[in-house]
Amino acid sequence: MNRLKKLKKIKLHHEGNTILIVSAIAIISFNLLIYWLIGNEILSYVIGGISAIVYALMVNFFRCPIRLFPGNTEKVVVAPADGKIVVIEEVDEHEYFYDKRLMISIFMNITNVHANWYPVDGVVKHVDHHNGRFMKAYLPKASTENERSMIVIDTPCGHTVMARQIAGAMARRIVTYAQVGEDCYIDEHMGFIKFGSRVDVYLPLGSKVCVKMDERTTGNQTVLAYLP
C-alpha cells in the first residue's frame, strides 16, 4: 500500500524552481501594471485568467512523478522519458560505437513530463556534451546535429547501452546528472530537458523490441526492449 501511494505522489522538479518563481513574479507584476494602466476590471480579469492558464501549463511541464519500476530489471531497457516512439531502426552510430546499433527514439512534446530516467542498471562509462542546432527534435537529423548529451552505460550482463538527450526547437538547456564511474539504476533520474525534446536509446543488435511506432511511453515504466 505504501509503495502504491508513493507511485501516485507527484512533486515539482527542482529544475523548475527558479523559472517558476521568476515567472510568477513577472506575471503578477504584469497583471498589476495592466490593471493600474487600464483600470478596466473585466479586461483585467480576462488577462489575469489567460496568465493563470499560461502559468498552470508551466507548472504542469515541471511536474515530476515519483515512479518505481515494478519488475525485475535484469536485461530490461525501460523508457527514459514520457512521450511517443518516433524511431525504431538499425543505424550506424558514428559518435561513440562506430558500428551498427538498434536505436529507439522517444519524442517529448511540451505537455509531457521532461524528467529523464536511466534506461538500464549499470555503471556510467562515458558522458559527453555536444553543442549544435535547435531544429525540431522529431526530425531524423536532430539526433546528430542538435545540441545533445550522451550517457554510455555498461550493464551487469556485459552489454553497453547509450542514451542521448537531444534539445529541440524550443529546448535550450539539457541537464545531465550522470557522472563517469558512478553506479546508475532504473528508478533514478538521468537528467532533465527543458521545453520540448527527444531521447534516443542505442542498444546492441539482437535486443528484443517491446514497443511499436507511435506508441506512447511512460518514463521508468514502459519496457522498450530486452537485451540479448
Protein backbone atom coordinates (compact mmCIF):
# COMPACT_ATOMS: atom_id res chain seq x y z
CA MET A 1 0.00 0.00 0.00
CA ASN A 2 2.80 2.45 0.88
CA ARG A 3 4.51 1.65 -2.43
CA LEU A 4 1.32 2.42 -4.36
CA LYS A 5 0.90 5.70 -2.51
CA LYS A 6 4.47 6.63 -3.38
CA LEU A 7 3.89 5.80 -7.04
CA LYS A 8 0.92 8.16 -7.15
CA LYS A 9 2.80 11.01 -5.49
CA ILE A 10 3.72 13.86 -7.83
CA LYS A 11 6.02 16.75 -7.00
CA LEU A 12 7.64 19.57 -8.98
CA HIS A 13 11.13 19.03 -10.36
CA HIS A 14 13.81 21.21 -8.77
CA GLU A 15 14.99 22.30 -12.25
CA GLY A 16 11.87 24.44 -12.46
CA ASN A 17 12.26 26.30 -9.15
CA THR A 18 13.94 29.44 -10.50
CA ILE A 19 11.85 29.60 -13.66
CA LEU A 20 8.56 29.22 -11.78
CA ILE A 21 9.45 31.80 -9.11
CA VAL A 22 10.67 34.40 -11.63
CA SER A 23 7.67 33.74 -13.90
CA ALA A 24 5.23 34.12 -11.01
CA ILE A 25 6.75 37.48 -10.04
CA ALA A 26 6.72 38.65 -13.68
CA ILE A 27 3.11 37.56 -14.28
CA ILE A 28 1.81 39.16 -11.08
CA SER A 29 3.70 42.37 -11.82
CA PHE A 30 2.40 42.44 -15.39
CA ASN A 31 -1.20 41.98 -14.29
CA LEU A 32 -0.94 44.66 -11.63
CA LEU A 33 0.57 47.06 -14.19
CA ILE A 34 -2.20 46.32 -16.70
CA TYR A 35 -4.86 46.94 -14.05
CA TRP A 36 -3.19 50.19 -12.98
CA LEU A 37 -2.80 51.50 -16.55
CA ILE A 38 -6.18 50.42 -17.96
CA GLY A 39 -8.41 50.39 -14.91
CA ASN A 40 -10.89 48.08 -16.65
CA GLU A 41 -11.84 45.28 -14.27
CA ILE A 42 -13.35 42.97 -16.91
CA LEU A 43 -10.30 43.23 -19.18
CA SER A 44 -8.01 42.76 -16.18
CA TYR A 45 -9.89 39.58 -15.23
CA VAL A 46 -9.55 38.25 -18.80
CA ILE A 47 -5.81 38.95 -18.89
CA GLY A 48 -5.45 37.52 -15.40
CA GLY A 49 -7.26 34.35 -16.45
CA ILE A 50 -5.01 33.91 -19.50
CA SER A 51 -1.94 34.49 -17.33
CA ALA A 52 -3.13 31.86 -14.85
CA ILE A 53 -3.59 29.32 -17.65
CA VAL A 54 -0.09 30.01 -19.01
CA TYR A 55 1.43 29.63 -15.56
CA ALA A 56 -0.51 26.41 -14.94
CA LEU A 57 0.95 24.98 -18.17
CA MET A 58 4.44 25.87 -16.95
CA VAL A 59 3.81 24.18 -13.60
CA ASN A 60 2.49 21.13 -15.46
CA PHE A 61 5.67 20.99 -17.54
CA PHE A 62 7.88 20.76 -14.44
CA ARG A 63 5.86 18.09 -12.67
CA CYS A 64 7.98 15.19 -11.51
CA PRO A 65 6.09 11.99 -10.67
CA ILE A 66 7.83 9.50 -8.38
CA ARG A 67 7.86 6.17 -10.20
CA LEU A 68 9.26 2.77 -9.26
CA PHE A 69 9.72 0.11 -11.91
CA PRO A 70 7.56 -2.83 -10.77
CA GLY A 71 9.52 -5.78 -12.16
CA ASN A 72 12.94 -7.42 -12.34
CA THR A 73 15.45 -5.07 -14.02
CA GLU A 74 17.86 -7.74 -15.31
CA LYS A 75 18.42 -7.22 -19.08
CA VAL A 76 15.47 -4.81 -19.12
CA VAL A 77 15.58 -1.49 -21.00
CA VAL A 78 12.91 0.93 -19.80
CA ALA A 79 11.72 4.14 -21.43
CA PRO A 80 13.88 7.02 -20.19
CA ALA A 81 11.10 9.52 -20.86
CA ASP A 82 7.39 10.13 -21.35
CA GLY A 83 6.48 10.65 -24.98
CA LYS A 84 5.91 8.86 -28.27
CA ILE A 85 8.06 6.35 -30.14
CA VAL A 86 9.22 8.02 -33.37
CA VAL A 87 12.11 5.76 -34.45
CA ILE A 88 12.81 2.02 -34.23
CA GLU A 89 15.61 1.08 -36.62
CA GLU A 90 19.14 -0.18 -37.05
CA VAL A 91 21.54 2.73 -37.57
CA ASP A 92 25.26 3.39 -37.96
CA GLU A 93 26.30 5.19 -34.78
CA HIS A 94 29.26 7.49 -35.54
CA GLU A 95 29.96 9.33 -32.27
CA TYR A 96 30.84 6.55 -29.85
CA PHE A 97 30.30 2.95 -31.00
CA TYR A 98 31.22 3.38 -34.68
CA ASP A 99 29.14 0.35 -35.59
CA LYS A 100 25.52 -0.68 -36.10
CA ARG A 101 23.11 -0.29 -33.21
CA LEU A 102 19.40 -0.59 -32.65
CA MET A 103 18.04 2.91 -32.00
CA ILE A 104 14.73 3.60 -30.27
CA SER A 105 13.74 7.27 -30.07
CA ILE A 106 11.14 8.94 -27.86
CA PHE A 107 9.83 12.40 -28.76
CA MET A 108 8.55 14.54 -25.90
CA ASN A 109 6.10 17.35 -26.58
CA ILE A 110 5.62 20.31 -24.28
CA THR A 111 2.85 18.59 -22.28
CA ASN A 112 4.99 15.56 -21.35
CA VAL A 113 6.98 15.10 -18.14
CA HIS A 114 10.52 16.14 -19.08
CA ALA A 115 12.46 14.36 -16.36
CA ASN A 116 14.67 11.61 -17.82
CA TRP A 117 15.35 8.25 -16.15
CA TYR A 118 18.23 5.83 -16.66
CA PRO A 119 17.08 3.18 -19.15
CA VAL A 120 19.19 0.37 -17.61
CA ASP A 121 21.07 -0.58 -14.46
CA GLY A 122 24.85 -0.39 -14.69
CA VAL A 123 27.94 1.80 -14.40
CA VAL A 124 28.32 5.11 -16.25
CA LYS A 125 31.23 4.67 -18.63
CA HIS A 126 31.18 7.91 -20.62
CA VAL A 127 29.39 11.27 -20.54
CA ASP A 128 29.74 13.87 -23.27
CA HIS A 129 28.01 17.05 -24.40
CA HIS A 130 27.91 18.42 -27.97
CA ASN A 131 26.76 21.89 -28.93
CA GLY A 132 24.60 22.04 -32.02
CA ARG A 133 21.48 23.31 -33.69
CA PHE A 134 17.92 23.56 -32.37
CA MET A 135 15.87 22.09 -35.20
CA LYS A 136 12.64 20.23 -34.43
CA ALA A 137 13.52 17.22 -32.29
CA TYR A 138 11.40 14.70 -34.22
CA LEU A 139 13.43 15.21 -37.42
CA PRO A 140 15.96 12.44 -38.21
CA LYS A 141 18.95 14.82 -38.38
CA ALA A 142 18.20 16.14 -34.89
CA SER A 143 19.87 13.06 -33.42
CA THR A 144 23.30 14.08 -34.74
CA GLU A 145 23.00 17.82 -35.46
CA ASN A 146 21.11 19.28 -32.50
CA GLU A 147 22.63 20.12 -29.14
CA ARG A 148 22.87 16.81 -27.27
CA SER A 149 24.36 14.89 -24.38
CA MET A 150 25.29 11.22 -24.44
CA ILE A 151 25.42 8.86 -21.47
CA VAL A 152 27.08 5.47 -22.05
CA ILE A 153 26.33 2.70 -19.54
CA ASP A 154 27.94 -0.71 -19.06
CA THR A 155 25.24 -3.13 -17.85
CA PRO A 156 25.75 -6.02 -15.39
CA CYS A 157 25.10 -8.53 -18.21
CA GLY A 158 28.07 -7.21 -20.23
CA HIS A 159 26.29 -5.00 -22.77
CA THR A 160 26.87 -1.31 -23.44
CA VAL A 161 23.88 0.99 -23.86
CA MET A 162 23.85 4.67 -24.78
CA ALA A 163 21.15 7.22 -24.03
CA ARG A 164 21.28 10.51 -25.93
CA GLN A 165 19.39 13.58 -24.70
CA ILE A 166 18.57 15.88 -27.62
CA ALA A 167 17.45 19.50 -27.49
CA GLY A 168 14.53 20.55 -29.69
CA ALA A 169 13.31 23.73 -31.36
CA MET A 170 12.15 25.12 -28.00
CA ALA A 171 14.53 23.31 -25.66
CA ARG A 172 17.57 25.43 -24.86
CA ARG A 173 19.05 23.57 -21.95
CA ILE A 174 19.92 19.94 -21.38
CA VAL A 175 20.67 18.93 -17.80
CA THR A 176 22.62 15.69 -17.27
CA TYR A 177 23.22 14.27 -13.80
CA ALA A 178 25.28 11.22 -14.82
CA GLN A 179 28.93 11.13 -13.72
CA VAL A 180 31.58 8.80 -15.14
CA GLY A 181 32.29 5.87 -12.84
CA GLU A 182 29.13 6.06 -10.75
CA ASP A 183 26.59 3.27 -10.43
CA CYS A 184 23.24 4.02 -12.02
CA TYR A 185 19.90 2.33 -11.66
CA ILE A 186 16.46 2.22 -13.19
CA ASP A 187 14.24 4.44 -10.94
CA GLU A 188 16.93 7.16 -10.80
CA HIS A 189 16.86 10.42 -12.74
CA MET A 190 19.44 10.71 -15.51
CA GLY A 191 18.67 14.34 -16.31
CA PHE A 192 16.11 16.86 -17.50
CA ILE A 193 15.46 18.68 -20.79
CA LYS A 194 13.62 21.99 -20.68
CA PHE A 195 10.72 22.59 -23.10
CA GLY A 196 10.29 20.02 -25.86
CA SER A 197 12.92 17.47 -26.84
CA ARG A 198 13.85 13.84 -27.56
CA VAL A 199 15.78 10.92 -26.07
CA ASP A 200 17.45 8.23 -28.21
CA VAL A 201 18.48 4.86 -26.78
CA TYR A 202 21.14 2.81 -28.61
CA LEU A 203 21.05 -0.93 -27.95
CA PRO A 204 23.12 -3.88 -29.15
CA LEU A 205 21.77 -5.70 -32.19
CA GLY A 206 19.68 -8.69 -31.23
CA SER A 207 17.79 -6.84 -28.50
CA LYS A 208 14.12 -7.83 -28.34
CA VAL A 209 11.98 -4.75 -29.04
CA CYS A 210 8.79 -4.50 -26.97
CA VAL A 211 7.30 -1.28 -28.40
CA LYS A 212 6.00 -0.15 -31.78
CA MET A 213 5.97 3.10 -33.75
CA ASP A 214 3.75 5.89 -32.40
CA GLU A 215 3.25 4.04 -29.11
CA ARG A 216 3.02 6.27 -26.05
CA THR A 217 5.63 5.66 -23.38
CA THR A 218 5.74 6.31 -19.66
CA GLY A 219 9.18 7.06 -18.30
CA ASN A 220 10.60 4.37 -15.99
CA GLN A 221 7.51 2.19 -16.61
CA THR A 222 7.29 1.20 -20.28
CA VAL A 223 9.65 -1.63 -21.29
CA LEU A 224 11.38 -0.68 -24.55
CA ALA A 225 13.34 -3.88 -25.04
CA TYR A 226 15.19 -6.82 -23.52
CA LEU A 227 18.95 -7.07 -24.04
CA PRO A 228 20.33 -10.20 -25.72
